[in-house]
Protein backbone atom coordinates (compact mmCIF):
# COMPACT_ATOMS: atom_id res chain seq x y z
CA UNK A 1 71.51 -31.33 130.18
CA UNK A 2 73.57 -31.17 127.04
CA UNK A 3 72.97 -28.38 124.65
CA UNK A 4 74.03 -28.51 120.98
CA UNK A 5 75.18 -25.15 119.87
CA UNK A 6 75.26 -23.51 116.42
CA UNK A 7 79.06 -23.72 116.63
CA UNK A 8 78.85 -27.52 117.23
CA UNK A 9 76.88 -27.80 114.02
CA UNK A 10 78.99 -25.35 112.13
CA UNK A 11 82.24 -27.17 113.25
CA UNK A 12 80.78 -30.55 112.06
CA UNK A 13 80.03 -28.90 108.60
CA UNK A 14 83.65 -27.70 108.13
CA UNK A 15 85.62 -30.37 110.02
CA UNK A 16 88.66 -32.01 108.43
CA UNK A 17 88.16 -35.20 110.48
CA UNK A 18 87.60 -38.53 108.88
CA UNK A 19 83.77 -39.19 109.13
CA UNK A 20 83.19 -36.52 111.68
CA UNK A 21 80.11 -36.88 114.06
CA UNK A 22 78.72 -34.94 116.93
CA UNK A 23 78.61 -37.25 119.96
CA UNK A 24 77.13 -37.10 123.42
CA UNK A 25 79.99 -38.12 125.70
CA UNK A 26 78.83 -38.02 129.27
CA UNK A 27 77.17 -34.68 129.46
CA UNK A 28 79.27 -32.95 126.82
CA UNK A 29 78.81 -32.59 123.02
CA UNK A 30 81.99 -33.46 121.27
CA UNK A 31 83.14 -33.45 117.57
CA UNK A 32 84.94 -36.69 116.93
CA UNK A 33 85.92 -39.03 114.01
CA UNK A 34 83.21 -41.78 114.01
CA UNK A 35 85.94 -44.51 114.63
CA UNK A 36 86.87 -42.75 117.84
CA UNK A 37 83.50 -42.44 119.53
CA UNK A 38 83.65 -44.17 122.93
CA UNK A 39 81.51 -47.17 123.56
CA UNK A 40 79.45 -45.42 126.17
CA UNK A 41 78.80 -42.29 123.98
CA UNK A 42 75.87 -41.68 121.68
CA UNK A 43 76.28 -40.30 118.10
CA UNK A 44 73.70 -37.65 117.76
CA UNK A 45 74.49 -36.27 114.25
CA UNK A 46 76.90 -37.14 111.42
CA UNK A 47 78.27 -34.89 108.58
CA UNK A 48 76.61 -37.35 106.12
CA UNK A 49 73.22 -36.58 107.67
CA UNK A 50 74.01 -32.78 107.85
CA UNK A 51 74.82 -32.81 104.12
CA UNK A 52 71.68 -34.87 103.33
CA UNK A 53 69.47 -32.67 105.50
CA UNK A 54 70.89 -29.17 104.63
CA UNK A 55 73.30 -29.54 101.65
CA UNK A 56 76.90 -28.79 101.44
CA UNK A 57 76.63 -25.08 102.27
CA UNK A 58 74.63 -24.14 105.43
CA UNK A 59 73.28 -20.75 106.40
CA UNK A 60 73.58 -19.36 109.89
CA UNK A 61 69.79 -19.67 110.35
CA UNK A 62 69.94 -23.34 109.24
CA UNK A 63 72.74 -24.05 111.69
CA UNK A 64 70.83 -22.32 114.50
CA UNK A 65 67.65 -24.25 113.80
CA UNK A 66 69.48 -27.55 113.53
CA UNK A 67 71.20 -26.94 116.80
CA UNK A 68 67.87 -26.34 118.54
CA UNK A 69 66.30 -29.38 116.84
CA UNK A 70 69.20 -31.65 118.03
CA UNK A 71 69.10 -30.26 121.58
CA UNK A 72 65.32 -30.90 121.67
CA UNK A 73 65.87 -34.51 120.54
CA UNK A 74 68.34 -34.99 123.36
CA UNK A 75 65.94 -33.73 126.04
CA UNK A 76 62.85 -35.69 124.90
CA UNK A 77 62.18 -38.68 127.13
CA UNK A 78 60.36 -41.60 125.75
CA UNK A 79 56.81 -42.42 127.05
CA UNK A 80 56.74 -45.38 129.44
């Protein structure tokens, strides 16, 4: 099970990459430029979404809550 950490979200917020995203690559969360996400990976959060949801400056509490929210979204299985 992949876990999004507060450091993952914090790294996304301050990344110097071009259009950075957090992606689920296999069982790992990786910070990548959007253009370099492998075909079999899943983008789970973008910096644009982070800025829209939390603004340009994020607090430690916001980062912790967002990491938990993203992890929860990864573990939810759709109903049959």
